[in-house]
N, C-alpha and C. Protein backbone atom coordinates (compact mmCIF):
# COMPACT_ATOMS: atom_id res chain seq x y z
N MET A 1 -21.44 7.80 5.82
CA MET A 1 -20.47 7.60 6.88
C MET A 1 -19.08 7.44 6.27
N SER A 2 -18.09 8.08 6.86
CA SER A 2 -16.74 8.00 6.32
C SER A 2 -16.06 6.69 6.76
N LYS A 3 -15.01 6.36 6.04
CA LYS A 3 -14.24 5.15 6.35
C LYS A 3 -13.54 5.31 7.69
N PRO A 4 -13.52 4.25 8.51
CA PRO A 4 -12.73 4.36 9.73
C PRO A 4 -11.24 4.38 9.39
N LYS A 5 -10.52 5.25 10.04
CA LYS A 5 -9.08 5.37 9.80
C LYS A 5 -8.35 4.51 10.84
N VAL A 6 -7.57 3.56 10.34
CA VAL A 6 -6.92 2.56 11.20
C VAL A 6 -5.41 2.64 11.06
N LEU A 7 -4.72 2.68 12.20
CA LEU A 7 -3.27 2.54 12.24
C LEU A 7 -2.99 1.14 12.77
N TYR A 8 -2.31 0.32 11.98
CA TYR A 8 -2.00 -1.06 12.32
C TYR A 8 -0.48 -1.13 12.51
N ILE A 9 -0.04 -1.42 13.74
CA ILE A 9 1.39 -1.49 14.06
C ILE A 9 1.76 -2.93 14.36
N ALA A 10 2.77 -3.43 13.67
CA ALA A 10 3.24 -4.79 13.90
C ALA A 10 4.75 -4.78 14.10
N TYR A 11 5.20 -5.37 15.19
CA TYR A 11 6.64 -5.44 15.43
C TYR A 11 7.20 -6.70 14.78
N TRP A 12 6.75 -6.95 13.58
CA TRP A 12 7.24 -8.00 12.69
C TRP A 12 7.43 -7.35 11.33
N GLY A 13 8.11 -8.06 10.47
CA GLY A 13 8.28 -7.57 9.12
C GLY A 13 7.23 -8.15 8.19
N ALA A 14 6.84 -7.38 7.21
CA ALA A 14 5.88 -7.85 6.21
C ALA A 14 6.48 -8.96 5.35
N ALA A 15 7.80 -8.99 5.22
CA ALA A 15 8.47 -10.01 4.40
C ALA A 15 8.72 -11.31 5.17
N GLU A 16 8.55 -11.29 6.48
CA GLU A 16 8.76 -12.48 7.30
C GLU A 16 7.57 -13.43 7.15
N PRO A 17 7.75 -14.71 7.48
CA PRO A 17 6.63 -15.66 7.38
C PRO A 17 5.39 -15.23 8.16
N LEU A 18 5.55 -14.72 9.40
CA LEU A 18 4.38 -14.26 10.15
C LEU A 18 3.73 -13.04 9.50
N GLY A 19 4.54 -12.18 8.95
CA GLY A 19 4.00 -11.03 8.23
C GLY A 19 3.20 -11.46 7.01
N GLN A 20 3.74 -12.42 6.28
CA GLN A 20 3.07 -12.92 5.07
C GLN A 20 1.77 -13.66 5.40
N SER A 21 1.77 -14.40 6.52
CA SER A 21 0.59 -15.21 6.82
C SER A 21 -0.44 -14.53 7.72
N LEU A 22 -0.01 -13.56 8.55
CA LEU A 22 -0.94 -12.91 9.47
C LEU A 22 -1.19 -11.44 9.18
N ILE A 23 -0.13 -10.69 9.00
CA ILE A 23 -0.26 -9.23 8.89
C ILE A 23 -0.85 -8.81 7.55
N LEU A 24 -0.22 -9.25 6.45
CA LEU A 24 -0.66 -8.79 5.13
C LEU A 24 -2.09 -9.21 4.81
N PRO A 25 -2.49 -10.47 5.04
CA PRO A 25 -3.89 -10.81 4.75
C PRO A 25 -4.88 -10.00 5.60
N ALA A 26 -4.55 -9.76 6.88
CA ALA A 26 -5.44 -8.97 7.74
C ALA A 26 -5.54 -7.54 7.25
N ALA A 27 -4.40 -6.95 6.87
CA ALA A 27 -4.41 -5.57 6.39
C ALA A 27 -5.24 -5.45 5.11
N ARG A 28 -5.05 -6.38 4.19
CA ARG A 28 -5.82 -6.35 2.94
C ARG A 28 -7.31 -6.51 3.21
N LYS A 29 -7.66 -7.42 4.12
CA LYS A 29 -9.07 -7.68 4.43
C LYS A 29 -9.72 -6.46 5.09
N LEU A 30 -9.01 -5.85 6.03
CA LEU A 30 -9.56 -4.66 6.68
C LEU A 30 -9.79 -3.55 5.67
N SER A 31 -8.86 -3.39 4.75
CA SER A 31 -9.02 -2.38 3.71
C SER A 31 -10.21 -2.72 2.81
N ALA A 32 -10.33 -4.00 2.45
CA ALA A 32 -11.46 -4.43 1.61
C ALA A 32 -12.80 -4.21 2.30
N LEU A 33 -12.79 -4.28 3.63
CA LEU A 33 -14.02 -4.06 4.40
C LEU A 33 -14.33 -2.57 4.60
N GLY A 34 -13.44 -1.71 4.10
CA GLY A 34 -13.74 -0.28 4.13
C GLY A 34 -12.86 0.56 5.04
N ALA A 35 -11.84 -0.03 5.64
CA ALA A 35 -10.96 0.76 6.51
C ALA A 35 -9.95 1.53 5.66
N ASP A 36 -9.66 2.74 6.10
CA ASP A 36 -8.57 3.53 5.52
C ASP A 36 -7.36 3.17 6.38
N LEU A 37 -6.52 2.24 5.88
CA LEU A 37 -5.53 1.58 6.72
C LEU A 37 -4.10 2.03 6.43
N THR A 38 -3.37 2.32 7.51
CA THR A 38 -1.94 2.58 7.45
C THR A 38 -1.25 1.48 8.25
N LEU A 39 -0.31 0.78 7.61
CA LEU A 39 0.38 -0.35 8.22
C LEU A 39 1.83 0.03 8.50
N VAL A 40 2.26 -0.12 9.77
CA VAL A 40 3.65 0.11 10.17
C VAL A 40 4.24 -1.24 10.52
N THR A 41 5.35 -1.61 9.85
CA THR A 41 6.04 -2.86 10.15
C THR A 41 7.51 -2.58 10.40
N PHE A 42 8.19 -3.55 10.98
CA PHE A 42 9.62 -3.45 11.26
C PHE A 42 10.34 -4.53 10.49
N GLU A 43 11.06 -4.10 9.46
CA GLU A 43 11.70 -5.02 8.52
C GLU A 43 13.16 -5.27 8.88
N LYS A 44 13.56 -6.52 8.83
CA LYS A 44 14.95 -6.88 9.07
C LYS A 44 15.79 -6.38 7.89
N PRO A 45 17.03 -5.95 8.17
CA PRO A 45 17.88 -5.41 7.10
C PRO A 45 18.01 -6.34 5.89
N ALA A 46 18.15 -7.63 6.12
CA ALA A 46 18.28 -8.58 5.01
C ALA A 46 17.03 -8.58 4.14
N ASP A 47 15.86 -8.42 4.77
CA ASP A 47 14.61 -8.37 4.00
C ASP A 47 14.52 -7.08 3.19
N LEU A 48 14.97 -5.98 3.77
CA LEU A 48 14.95 -4.70 3.04
C LEU A 48 15.88 -4.73 1.83
N GLU A 49 16.95 -5.52 1.91
CA GLU A 49 17.88 -5.63 0.78
C GLU A 49 17.28 -6.39 -0.39
N ARG A 50 16.26 -7.19 -0.14
CA ARG A 50 15.58 -7.92 -1.22
C ARG A 50 14.56 -6.97 -1.85
N ARG A 51 15.08 -6.08 -2.66
CA ARG A 51 14.29 -4.97 -3.20
C ARG A 51 13.09 -5.43 -4.05
N GLN A 52 13.24 -6.50 -4.79
CA GLN A 52 12.11 -6.98 -5.61
C GLN A 52 10.97 -7.45 -4.71
N GLU A 53 11.31 -8.14 -3.63
CA GLU A 53 10.29 -8.61 -2.68
C GLU A 53 9.61 -7.42 -2.00
N THR A 54 10.41 -6.45 -1.59
CA THR A 54 9.86 -5.25 -0.96
C THR A 54 8.94 -4.51 -1.93
N ARG A 55 9.36 -4.39 -3.18
CA ARG A 55 8.54 -3.73 -4.19
C ARG A 55 7.23 -4.50 -4.42
N ARG A 56 7.32 -5.84 -4.46
CA ARG A 56 6.12 -6.66 -4.65
C ARG A 56 5.13 -6.45 -3.50
N ILE A 57 5.65 -6.42 -2.26
CA ILE A 57 4.77 -6.20 -1.11
C ILE A 57 4.13 -4.82 -1.19
N ARG A 58 4.94 -3.80 -1.49
CA ARG A 58 4.40 -2.44 -1.58
C ARG A 58 3.32 -2.34 -2.66
N GLU A 59 3.58 -2.89 -3.83
CA GLU A 59 2.60 -2.84 -4.92
C GLU A 59 1.31 -3.57 -4.54
N SER A 60 1.45 -4.72 -3.88
CA SER A 60 0.28 -5.48 -3.45
C SER A 60 -0.55 -4.70 -2.44
N LEU A 61 0.13 -4.08 -1.48
CA LEU A 61 -0.60 -3.28 -0.48
C LEU A 61 -1.22 -2.04 -1.10
N ASN A 62 -0.49 -1.37 -1.99
CA ASN A 62 -1.05 -0.20 -2.68
C ASN A 62 -2.30 -0.59 -3.45
N ALA A 63 -2.25 -1.73 -4.13
CA ALA A 63 -3.41 -2.19 -4.91
C ALA A 63 -4.61 -2.46 -4.01
N SER A 64 -4.32 -2.80 -2.74
CA SER A 64 -5.40 -3.06 -1.78
C SER A 64 -5.83 -1.80 -1.03
N GLY A 65 -5.17 -0.68 -1.31
CA GLY A 65 -5.53 0.57 -0.65
C GLY A 65 -4.88 0.75 0.72
N VAL A 66 -3.80 0.00 0.99
CA VAL A 66 -3.11 0.08 2.28
C VAL A 66 -1.84 0.91 2.12
N ARG A 67 -1.67 1.92 3.01
CA ARG A 67 -0.42 2.68 3.06
C ARG A 67 0.54 1.91 3.95
N TRP A 68 1.75 1.68 3.46
CA TRP A 68 2.73 0.88 4.19
C TRP A 68 3.92 1.73 4.59
N LEU A 69 4.25 1.72 5.88
CA LEU A 69 5.42 2.40 6.40
C LEU A 69 6.38 1.35 6.96
N PRO A 70 7.29 0.84 6.12
CA PRO A 70 8.25 -0.14 6.62
C PRO A 70 9.40 0.55 7.33
N LEU A 71 9.59 0.22 8.58
CA LEU A 71 10.70 0.75 9.37
C LEU A 71 11.74 -0.34 9.54
N ARG A 72 12.98 0.06 9.78
CA ARG A 72 14.06 -0.92 9.94
C ARG A 72 14.04 -1.47 11.36
N TYR A 73 14.12 -2.79 11.45
CA TYR A 73 14.22 -3.50 12.73
C TYR A 73 15.68 -3.51 13.19
N HIS A 74 15.89 -3.26 14.47
CA HIS A 74 17.24 -3.29 15.05
C HIS A 74 17.30 -4.40 16.09
N LYS A 75 18.40 -5.18 16.08
CA LYS A 75 18.48 -6.34 16.94
C LYS A 75 19.51 -6.22 18.06
N HIS A 76 20.64 -5.58 17.80
CA HIS A 76 21.73 -5.57 18.78
C HIS A 76 22.14 -4.15 19.13
N PRO A 77 22.54 -3.90 20.35
CA PRO A 77 22.32 -4.70 21.56
C PRO A 77 20.82 -4.71 21.89
N LYS A 78 20.32 -5.82 22.36
CA LYS A 78 18.88 -6.11 22.43
C LYS A 78 18.03 -4.99 23.06
N VAL A 79 18.30 -4.64 24.30
CA VAL A 79 17.44 -3.66 24.98
C VAL A 79 17.54 -2.28 24.33
N PRO A 80 18.74 -1.73 24.11
CA PRO A 80 18.80 -0.42 23.44
C PRO A 80 18.20 -0.45 22.03
N ALA A 81 18.40 -1.55 21.31
CA ALA A 81 17.85 -1.64 19.95
C ALA A 81 16.33 -1.63 19.99
N THR A 82 15.75 -2.37 20.92
CA THR A 82 14.29 -2.39 21.04
C THR A 82 13.76 -1.03 21.47
N MET A 83 14.46 -0.38 22.40
CA MET A 83 14.04 0.97 22.82
C MET A 83 14.09 1.94 21.64
N PHE A 84 15.13 1.83 20.83
CA PHE A 84 15.25 2.68 19.65
C PHE A 84 14.08 2.41 18.70
N ASP A 85 13.75 1.13 18.48
CA ASP A 85 12.63 0.79 17.59
C ASP A 85 11.32 1.36 18.13
N ILE A 86 11.12 1.26 19.44
CA ILE A 86 9.90 1.82 20.04
C ILE A 86 9.84 3.33 19.81
N ALA A 87 10.95 4.01 20.05
CA ALA A 87 10.99 5.47 19.84
C ALA A 87 10.74 5.81 18.38
N HIS A 88 11.36 5.07 17.48
CA HIS A 88 11.19 5.32 16.04
C HIS A 88 9.73 5.06 15.63
N GLY A 89 9.17 3.94 16.11
CA GLY A 89 7.78 3.62 15.78
C GLY A 89 6.81 4.67 16.31
N CYS A 90 7.02 5.10 17.54
CA CYS A 90 6.16 6.14 18.12
C CYS A 90 6.27 7.44 17.34
N THR A 91 7.48 7.83 17.00
CA THR A 91 7.70 9.06 16.25
C THR A 91 7.00 9.00 14.89
N ARG A 92 7.19 7.91 14.15
CA ARG A 92 6.55 7.79 12.84
C ARG A 92 5.03 7.77 12.97
N ALA A 93 4.53 7.07 13.98
CA ALA A 93 3.08 7.03 14.18
C ALA A 93 2.53 8.42 14.50
N MET A 94 3.24 9.16 15.34
CA MET A 94 2.78 10.51 15.70
C MET A 94 2.84 11.45 14.49
N LEU A 95 3.91 11.35 13.70
CA LEU A 95 4.00 12.18 12.50
C LEU A 95 2.89 11.83 11.52
N THR A 96 2.60 10.55 11.39
CA THR A 96 1.51 10.11 10.51
C THR A 96 0.17 10.60 11.03
N ARG A 97 0.03 10.62 12.35
CA ARG A 97 -1.21 11.08 12.97
C ARG A 97 -1.47 12.57 12.72
N LEU A 98 -0.42 13.33 12.49
CA LEU A 98 -0.61 14.74 12.17
C LEU A 98 -1.38 14.90 10.86
N LYS A 99 -1.21 13.94 9.94
CA LYS A 99 -1.89 13.98 8.65
C LYS A 99 -3.24 13.28 8.70
N THR A 100 -3.32 12.21 9.49
CA THR A 100 -4.52 11.38 9.55
C THR A 100 -4.94 11.19 10.99
N ARG A 101 -6.15 11.56 11.31
CA ARG A 101 -6.69 11.35 12.66
C ARG A 101 -7.24 9.93 12.71
N PHE A 102 -6.52 9.03 13.38
CA PHE A 102 -6.93 7.63 13.42
C PHE A 102 -8.09 7.42 14.39
N ASP A 103 -9.04 6.60 13.96
CA ASP A 103 -10.16 6.21 14.82
C ASP A 103 -9.80 4.98 15.65
N ILE A 104 -8.96 4.13 15.06
CA ILE A 104 -8.60 2.86 15.69
C ILE A 104 -7.10 2.65 15.55
N ILE A 105 -6.48 2.17 16.63
CA ILE A 105 -5.08 1.76 16.56
C ILE A 105 -5.06 0.29 16.95
N HIS A 106 -4.55 -0.53 16.04
CA HIS A 106 -4.45 -1.97 16.27
C HIS A 106 -2.97 -2.32 16.30
N ALA A 107 -2.56 -3.10 17.29
CA ALA A 107 -1.15 -3.46 17.40
C ALA A 107 -1.00 -4.96 17.59
N ARG A 108 0.06 -5.50 16.98
CA ARG A 108 0.43 -6.90 17.16
C ARG A 108 1.70 -6.92 17.99
N THR A 109 1.78 -7.81 18.91
CA THR A 109 2.88 -8.02 19.83
C THR A 109 2.88 -6.97 20.94
N PHE A 110 3.53 -7.29 22.01
CA PHE A 110 3.64 -6.41 23.15
C PHE A 110 4.33 -5.09 22.78
N ILE A 111 5.41 -5.19 22.01
CA ILE A 111 6.16 -3.99 21.61
C ILE A 111 5.29 -3.10 20.73
N GLY A 112 4.57 -3.70 19.79
CA GLY A 112 3.66 -2.93 18.94
C GLY A 112 2.59 -2.25 19.78
N GLY A 113 2.12 -2.95 20.82
CA GLY A 113 1.12 -2.38 21.72
C GLY A 113 1.64 -1.16 22.47
N LEU A 114 2.92 -1.21 22.87
CA LEU A 114 3.51 -0.05 23.54
C LEU A 114 3.53 1.16 22.61
N MET A 115 3.87 0.90 21.34
CA MET A 115 3.89 2.01 20.37
C MET A 115 2.49 2.56 20.17
N GLY A 116 1.51 1.68 20.05
CA GLY A 116 0.14 2.12 19.84
C GLY A 116 -0.41 2.88 21.03
N LEU A 117 0.03 2.51 22.23
CA LEU A 117 -0.43 3.18 23.45
C LEU A 117 0.01 4.64 23.48
N MET A 118 1.20 4.90 22.94
CA MET A 118 1.72 6.27 22.92
C MET A 118 0.84 7.12 22.03
């Protein structure tokens, strides 16, 4: 039996406290249990500027067999920024789906769920 292909979308950043405590451990565990996992997160600009931290997260996920697609989080103006993030997340997920036929889509937060629904 082949590995289940999972797309995990989180409208949080991997470098944020919730990302560190909820998203990354879950992604690593799912991969360890045999999932072929692609993780999409939304990183705040200040977190993306911390290149050593971003590199550490990427190396850790790569070592666990997780593909990471960090997208930039937009905050202002609130509604247009969120709509842009949803469009960007959906577009990246669809482009990724062209390469990988996902069996499962898991989303965290309401916004992540909207992207996964598309």
